[in-house]
Amino acid sequence: MSAKPRPPSSRRNPVSPRHWVSEELFDFWAGRLHPLWTLRRARARLVAREPASADAVTLVLRPNRHFRGLQPGQHITLGVDVDGRRLSRSYSPTPLADGTLAITVKAIEGGKVSQQLAQRAVVGDTYELGQAFGEMTLAPRAGQRLLLLAAGSGITPMRALLRQLDAAGMPAQVDLVYWARRREELCFAEELAALSARHPNLRVQLALTRDPSAPSPRVDAFAFDALGDLANAQVLVCGPGGFVDAARARLHGQVAALQSEAFTPPVLPDAETGTVQVELRRSGRTLALPRGTSLLQALEAEGLRPASGCRMGICNTCVCGKASGVTRHTLTGEYADEPATQVKLCVNSASTDLILEL
């Protein structure tokens, strides 16, 4: 006697919303019920804000379940709606014990995203959230010798790394040198002082380059010899491009290892001038773009909006195909003439006529 066929089990063959509705439509209507409900996209909601310095604010964000987490020292991209357009910028969050993320934003003159976040963001606002990226992380271990160098907003990943070391009992010998122009521009000064008081093997030095009574030297003239033997030190540097370049030049050959991240590209000498013809193969347009300017900035100046994220060559969001032509890397000055390769728009400029897959 043969058994009757069993009806298919809904448990073994679940019907997923992604099979019968587009992601955009699902996210639109789900967001009406709860701002963090999405099918796949990571989003975050602003749950608190507090001043961090005279011109910076710390925002606490609660991500939804699609965010895969991050290690201290890494970055995320935040998608912010400004005047009807979504713009992306990268920030280095401090992960907090309750699963939220704290980012510190300095209001920059003319910066649309920084001014929106620092001056107009209110609790309840929601943002697109990119997954974490970046290699400037630590695996704390006893006997490490660490030198952390930060300038301006470059203190944000250092704060996250110091909290990680604090939670591990500060197993390493750590020196932090933090540059700012004036005392009122310092972020986390009280927190850093408290960490230093709690851990004898953490030394914090504040370098105020425009202090009216005793201005500190910049990184290229700083007396690193006063910190002791750095031959076995691992150095982490974060700040503006010029600061990072100066730190690398100053410490070259004197330390065991040096990692750096620049949140603004350094300005190269005007070695290239004039314009070149850049063909956008997919859109069928040909543009005259300036040499010596990053392709991302040049395209945006023409009204285009290529996908972008960190704008400093780390996250790879702006990578696109280059069919032919020569590009120049804005951080190193190196030329690349290989055809049919990938190019990062944010850190490459056009040196000759190009064909891009855009």
Protein backbone atom coordinates (compact mmCIF):
# COMPACT_ATOMS: atom_id res chain seq x y z
CA MET A 1 0.00 0.00 0.00
CA SER A 2 1.62 3.23 -1.12
CA ALA A 3 1.68 6.22 1.13
CA LYS A 4 -0.18 9.33 0.10
CA PRO A 5 2.04 12.17 -1.01
CA ARG A 6 2.48 14.76 1.68
CA PRO A 7 1.68 18.37 0.90
CA PRO A 8 4.73 20.61 0.74
CA SER A 9 5.72 22.05 4.09
CA SER A 10 5.70 25.81 4.38
CA ARG A 11 8.46 25.47 6.94
CA ARG A 12 10.75 23.73 4.50
CA ASN A 13 9.91 26.12 1.69
CA PRO A 14 9.36 29.49 3.30
CA VAL A 15 8.05 32.30 1.17
CA SER A 16 10.41 35.23 1.48
CA PRO A 17 9.22 38.77 0.81
CA ARG A 18 12.20 39.25 -1.48
CA HIS A 19 10.57 36.74 -3.89
CA TRP A 20 7.43 38.75 -4.45
CA VAL A 21 8.25 42.39 -3.82
CA SER A 22 11.15 44.63 -4.78
CA GLU A 23 13.58 45.65 -2.07
CA GLU A 24 12.84 49.34 -2.64
CA LEU A 25 9.09 48.82 -2.27
CA PHE A 26 9.46 46.65 0.83
CA ASP A 27 11.79 49.16 2.49
CA PHE A 28 9.47 52.06 1.64
CA TRP A 29 6.39 50.53 3.31
CA ALA A 30 8.27 48.82 6.15
CA GLY A 31 9.89 52.14 6.97
CA ARG A 32 6.43 53.60 7.52
CA LEU A 33 5.94 51.11 10.36
CA HIS A 34 9.44 51.37 11.83
CA PRO A 35 12.32 53.52 10.50
CA LEU A 36 14.88 50.72 10.85
CA TRP A 37 12.88 47.94 9.17
CA THR A 38 14.46 46.99 5.85
CA LEU A 39 14.81 43.84 3.81
CA ARG A 40 18.60 43.83 3.61
CA ARG A 41 19.96 47.34 4.04
CA ALA A 42 21.80 48.49 7.12
CA ARG A 43 20.34 51.66 8.60
CA ALA A 44 20.86 53.54 11.86
CA ARG A 45 18.75 55.85 14.00
CA LEU A 46 20.06 58.84 15.95
CA VAL A 47 19.28 58.22 19.63
CA ALA A 48 21.40 60.86 21.39
CA ARG A 49 23.66 63.84 20.72
CA GLU A 50 26.02 65.85 22.88
CA PRO A 51 28.70 68.51 22.29
CA ALA A 52 32.24 67.18 21.88
CA SER A 53 34.15 70.47 21.43
CA ALA A 54 33.59 74.05 20.34
CA ASP A 55 32.88 72.95 16.77
CA ALA A 56 32.08 69.22 17.01
CA VAL A 57 29.22 67.06 18.22
CA THR A 58 29.04 63.37 19.17
CA LEU A 59 26.07 61.47 17.70
CA VAL A 60 24.98 58.10 19.08
CA LEU A 61 23.46 55.81 16.44
CA ARG A 62 21.52 52.58 16.88
CA PRO A 63 22.00 50.30 13.84
CA ASN A 64 19.45 47.75 12.69
CA ARG A 65 20.07 44.01 12.54
CA HIS A 66 21.63 44.16 9.06
CA PHE A 67 24.74 45.94 10.35
CA ARG A 68 27.45 43.31 10.83
CA GLY A 69 29.46 45.19 13.46
CA LEU A 70 32.95 46.66 13.44
CA GLN A 71 36.31 46.53 15.16
CA PRO A 72 37.66 49.59 16.97
CA GLY A 73 39.61 51.74 14.52
CA GLN A 74 37.47 50.86 11.50
CA HIS A 75 35.23 53.24 9.52
CA ILE A 76 31.66 53.24 8.25
CA THR A 77 29.95 55.33 5.60
CA LEU A 78 26.84 57.28 6.54
CA GLY A 79 24.26 58.21 3.90
CA VAL A 80 22.72 61.58 4.80
CA ASP A 81 19.87 63.34 2.97
CA VAL A 82 20.73 66.99 2.33
CA ASP A 83 18.47 69.22 0.21
CA GLY A 84 16.83 66.24 -1.46
CA ARG A 85 20.10 64.44 -2.26
CA ARG A 86 21.72 61.54 -0.44
CA LEU A 87 25.39 62.21 0.26
CA SER A 88 27.84 59.75 1.82
CA ARG A 89 30.72 60.48 4.17
CA SER A 90 32.92 58.18 6.25
CA TYR A 91 33.34 58.27 10.03
CA SER A 92 35.21 56.18 12.58
CA PRO A 93 32.74 55.16 15.31
CA THR A 94 33.35 54.15 18.87
CA PRO A 95 31.34 50.96 19.54
CA LEU A 96 29.46 51.26 22.84
CA ALA A 97 28.49 48.51 25.26
CA ASP A 98 24.78 48.61 24.37
CA GLY A 99 25.42 48.00 20.66
CA THR A 100 25.17 51.63 19.61
CA LEU A 101 27.83 53.55 17.69
CA ALA A 102 29.19 56.99 18.63
CA ILE A 103 30.52 59.18 15.83
CA THR A 104 32.00 62.64 16.32
CA VAL A 105 31.42 65.18 13.56
CA LYS A 106 33.21 68.49 13.20
CA ALA A 107 31.28 71.23 11.41
CA ILE A 108 33.39 72.22 8.40
CA GLU A 109 32.80 75.51 6.64
CA GLY A 110 31.03 74.72 3.37
CA GLY A 111 30.64 71.03 4.33
CA LYS A 112 27.06 70.07 3.55
CA VAL A 113 27.07 66.76 5.40
CA SER A 114 29.13 67.89 8.40
CA GLN A 115 26.92 70.94 8.95
CA GLN A 116 23.76 68.88 8.55
CA LEU A 117 24.91 66.40 11.18
CA ALA A 118 26.61 68.82 13.58
CA GLN A 119 23.99 71.58 13.50
CA ARG A 120 20.65 70.24 12.29
CA ALA A 121 20.44 66.51 13.08
CA VAL A 122 17.80 65.66 15.70
CA VAL A 123 17.11 62.53 17.72
CA GLY A 124 14.97 60.19 15.61
CA ASP A 125 16.67 60.93 12.28
CA THR A 126 17.68 57.82 10.31
CA TYR A 127 20.58 57.23 7.94
CA GLU A 128 21.86 54.66 5.49
CA LEU A 129 24.73 52.76 7.09
CA GLY A 130 27.59 51.11 5.23
CA GLN A 131 29.37 48.04 6.54
CA ALA A 132 32.66 48.56 8.36
CA PHE A 133 35.96 48.85 6.48
CA GLY A 134 39.57 49.73 7.26
CA GLU A 135 42.68 47.93 8.49
CA MET A 136 43.85 50.23 11.31
CA THR A 137 42.90 47.80 14.09
CA LEU A 138 44.68 46.26 17.08
CA ALA A 139 44.99 42.89 18.75
CA PRO A 140 46.04 44.01 22.26
CA ARG A 141 48.84 41.97 23.81
CA ALA A 142 51.27 42.33 26.68
CA GLY A 143 54.56 44.00 25.89
CA GLN A 144 53.34 46.00 22.90
CA ARG A 145 54.84 49.43 22.33
CA LEU A 146 52.28 51.68 20.68
CA LEU A 147 52.52 55.26 19.47
CA LEU A 148 49.23 56.86 18.44
CA LEU A 149 49.37 60.13 16.50
CA ALA A 150 46.17 62.06 15.84
CA ALA A 151 45.27 65.46 14.45
CA GLY A 152 41.82 67.02 14.33
CA SER A 153 39.11 64.44 13.64
CA GLY A 154 41.81 61.78 13.52
CA ILE A 155 41.29 61.37 17.27
CA THR A 156 38.06 59.42 16.70
CA PRO A 157 39.61 56.05 15.74
CA MET A 158 42.24 56.53 18.45
CA ARG A 159 39.50 56.96 21.05
CA ALA A 160 37.96 53.64 19.97
CA LEU A 161 41.34 51.89 20.12
CA LEU A 162 42.10 53.32 23.58
CA ARG A 163 38.74 52.10 24.87
CA GLN A 164 39.58 48.65 23.51
CA LEU A 165 42.94 48.73 25.30
CA ASP A 166 41.26 50.01 28.48
CA ALA A 167 38.84 47.05 28.42
CA ALA A 168 41.83 44.70 28.07
CA GLY A 169 43.58 46.29 31.06
CA MET A 170 45.97 48.44 28.98
CA PRO A 171 48.48 45.62 28.34
CA ALA A 172 50.66 47.77 26.09
CA GLN A 173 52.90 50.76 26.70
CA VAL A 174 51.00 53.51 24.85
CA ASP A 175 51.82 57.10 23.95
CA LEU A 176 49.13 59.28 22.40
CA VAL A 177 50.08 62.63 20.89
CA TYR A 178 46.99 64.61 19.86
CA TRP A 179 47.36 67.78 17.79
CA ALA A 180 44.80 70.57 17.63
CA ARG A 181 45.05 74.30 17.07
CA ARG A 182 43.45 75.45 20.33
CA ARG A 183 42.29 73.82 23.55
CA GLU A 184 38.61 74.46 22.81
CA GLU A 185 38.93 72.37 19.64
CA LEU A 186 40.01 69.24 21.55
CA CYS A 187 37.56 66.31 21.67
CA PHE A 188 37.40 63.82 24.56
CA ALA A 189 39.99 65.74 26.62
CA GLU A 190 38.44 64.74 29.97
CA GLU A 191 38.02 61.11 28.91
CA LEU A 192 41.64 60.92 27.76
CA ALA A 193 42.83 62.44 31.03
CA ALA A 194 40.80 59.91 33.01
CA LEU A 195 42.24 57.00 31.01
CA SER A 196 45.75 58.30 31.55
CA ALA A 197 45.18 58.66 35.29
CA ARG A 198 43.83 55.09 35.48
CA HIS A 199 46.69 53.47 33.53
CA PRO A 200 50.30 54.43 34.34
CA ASN A 201 51.51 52.92 31.04
CA LEU A 202 49.33 55.31 29.00
CA ARG A 203 50.78 58.76 28.41
CA VAL A 204 48.68 61.45 26.69
CA GLN A 205 50.27 64.59 25.28
CA LEU A 206 48.15 67.41 23.87
CA ALA A 207 49.95 69.45 21.20
CA LEU A 208 48.25 72.83 20.68
CA THR A 209 49.88 74.51 17.71
CA ARG A 210 48.18 77.89 18.26
CA ASP A 211 48.27 78.02 22.03
CA PRO A 212 48.86 81.72 22.86
CA SER A 213 51.23 81.00 25.74
CA ALA A 214 53.24 77.97 24.53
CA PRO A 215 52.49 76.78 20.98
CA SER A 216 53.49 73.19 20.33
CA PRO A 217 55.58 72.12 17.34
CA ARG A 218 53.89 70.37 14.46
CA VAL A 219 54.51 66.71 13.79
CA ASP A 220 57.49 67.33 11.49
CA ALA A 221 59.35 69.14 14.28
CA PHE A 222 58.05 67.17 17.28
CA ALA A 223 60.64 65.81 19.73
CA PHE A 224 59.85 62.09 19.50
CA ASP A 225 63.13 61.28 21.22
CA ALA A 226 61.52 62.43 24.48
CA LEU A 227 59.14 59.47 24.29
CA GLY A 228 61.97 56.95 24.64
CA ASP A 229 63.15 54.20 22.32
CA LEU A 230 60.69 53.76 19.44
CA ALA A 231 62.63 51.15 17.48
CA ASN A 232 60.09 48.44 18.42
CA ALA A 233 57.03 50.68 18.35
CA GLN A 234 53.95 50.14 16.23
CA VAL A 235 52.74 53.57 15.09
CA LEU A 236 49.18 54.43 14.09
CA VAL A 237 48.55 57.82 12.44
CA CYS A 238 45.25 59.46 11.52
CA GLY A 239 44.48 63.02 10.46
CA PRO A 240 44.56 65.30 7.41
CA GLY A 241 46.59 64.16 4.43
CA GLY A 242 49.40 66.65 5.00
CA PHE A 243 49.72 65.61 8.66
CA VAL A 244 49.90 61.93 7.73
CA ASP A 245 52.55 62.57 5.07
CA ALA A 246 54.65 64.62 7.51
CA ALA A 247 54.40 61.93 10.21
CA ARG A 248 55.47 59.20 7.82
CA ALA A 249 58.45 61.25 6.63
CA ARG A 250 59.43 62.17 10.19
CA LEU A 251 59.40 58.58 11.51
CA HIS A 252 60.60 56.73 8.43
CA GLY A 253 63.16 54.09 9.41
CA GLN A 254 62.84 54.84 13.14
CA VAL A 255 59.93 52.55 14.12
CA ALA A 256 59.01 48.91 13.65
CA ALA A 257 55.75 49.49 11.76
CA LEU A 258 53.56 52.41 10.74
CA GLN A 259 49.92 52.37 9.67
CA SER A 260 48.10 55.50 8.59
CA GLU A 261 44.78 56.76 7.34
CA ALA A 262 44.19 60.24 5.95
CA PHE A 263 40.69 61.71 5.96
CA THR A 264 41.64 64.35 3.39
CA PRO A 265 43.94 63.67 0.43
CA PRO A 266 47.22 65.60 0.44
CA VAL A 267 47.60 68.38 -2.10
CA LEU A 268 50.12 67.46 -4.78
CA PRO A 269 52.15 70.10 -6.61
CA ASP A 270 50.54 71.40 -9.78
CA ALA A 271 52.56 69.02 -11.93
CA GLU A 272 49.73 68.67 -14.44
CA THR A 273 47.52 71.38 -15.85
CA GLY A 274 44.95 71.71 -18.60
CA THR A 275 42.11 69.36 -19.47
CA VAL A 276 41.67 65.95 -21.07
CA GLN A 277 38.75 64.23 -22.80
CA VAL A 278 37.05 61.59 -20.65
CA GLU A 279 34.57 59.33 -22.42
CA LEU A 280 31.84 57.79 -20.25
CA ARG A 281 31.11 54.64 -22.21
CA ARG A 282 27.80 53.63 -20.62
CA SER A 283 26.18 57.06 -20.67
CA GLY A 284 27.58 58.02 -24.07
CA ARG A 285 28.98 61.35 -22.84
CA THR A 286 32.41 62.87 -23.34
CA LEU A 287 33.59 65.51 -20.88
CA ALA A 288 36.55 67.85 -20.70
CA LEU A 289 37.92 67.25 -17.19
CA PRO A 290 40.85 68.99 -15.47
CA ARG A 291 44.10 67.18 -14.92
CA GLY A 292 45.35 67.16 -11.33
CA THR A 293 41.82 66.95 -9.84
CA SER A 294 40.42 63.66 -8.58
CA LEU A 295 38.05 62.06 -11.07
CA LEU A 296 35.32 61.93 -8.44
CA GLN A 297 35.51 65.68 -7.79
CA ALA A 298 35.75 66.48 -11.50
CA LEU A 299 32.72 64.34 -12.34
CA GLU A 300 30.70 65.83 -9.49
CA ALA A 301 31.57 69.31 -10.75
CA GLU A 302 29.93 68.29 -14.05
CA GLY A 303 26.71 67.36 -12.24
CA LEU A 304 27.30 63.60 -12.14
CA ARG A 305 26.88 61.59 -8.96
CA PRO A 306 29.05 58.45 -9.10
CA ALA A 307 28.72 56.10 -6.14
CA SER A 308 31.18 57.11 -3.44
CA GLY A 309 31.84 56.54 0.23
CA CYS A 310 35.00 57.31 2.18
CA ARG A 311 36.50 59.62 -0.49
CA MET A 312 40.00 58.62 0.64
CA GLY A 313 40.69 55.38 -1.26
CA ILE A 314 39.72 52.85 1.40
CA CYS A 315 36.14 51.63 0.99
CA ASN A 316 36.20 50.91 -2.80
CA THR A 317 32.66 52.25 -3.29
CA CYS A 318 33.74 54.49 -6.18
CA VAL A 319 35.72 51.84 -8.09
CA CYS A 320 34.85 51.68 -11.80
CA GLY A 321 36.34 50.18 -14.93
CA LYS A 322 38.95 52.06 -16.99
CA ALA A 323 39.07 50.88 -20.60
CA SER A 324 42.05 52.99 -21.64
CA GLY A 325 44.19 55.98 -20.73
CA VAL A 326 46.65 57.03 -18.01
CA THR A 327 45.63 58.02 -14.48
CA ARG A 328 47.70 59.54 -11.68
CA HIS A 329 47.24 58.49 -8.06
CA THR A 330 46.59 61.64 -6.03
CA LEU A 331 48.14 60.21 -2.84
CA THR A 332 51.36 58.80 -4.26
CA GLY A 333 51.80 60.58 -7.59
CA GLU A 334 52.22 57.21 -9.38
CA TYR A 335 50.95 56.76 -12.93
CA ALA A 336 48.92 53.78 -14.18
CA ASP A 337 48.58 53.10 -17.89
CA GLU A 338 47.27 49.53 -17.92
CA PRO A 339 44.09 49.14 -20.00
CA ALA A 340 40.99 47.30 -18.81
CA THR A 341 41.65 47.83 -15.09
CA GLN A 342 39.74 49.13 -12.09
CA VAL A 343 40.29 52.69 -10.88
CA LYS A 344 39.28 54.41 -7.65
CA LEU A 345 37.70 57.69 -8.72
CA CYS A 346 38.32 59.45 -5.39
CA VAL A 347 42.13 59.07 -5.42
CA ASN A 348 42.96 59.13 -9.12
CA SER A 349 43.09 61.99 -11.62
CA ALA A 350 43.14 61.91 -15.40
CA SER A 351 46.61 62.34 -16.89
CA THR A 352 45.61 61.59 -20.51
CA ASP A 353 42.33 61.07 -22.35
CA LEU A 354 40.36 58.28 -20.66
CA ILE A 355 37.53 55.88 -21.35
CA LEU A 356 35.60 54.98 -18.17
CA GLU A 357 32.84 52.42 -17.73
CA LEU A 358 30.35 54.97 -16.39
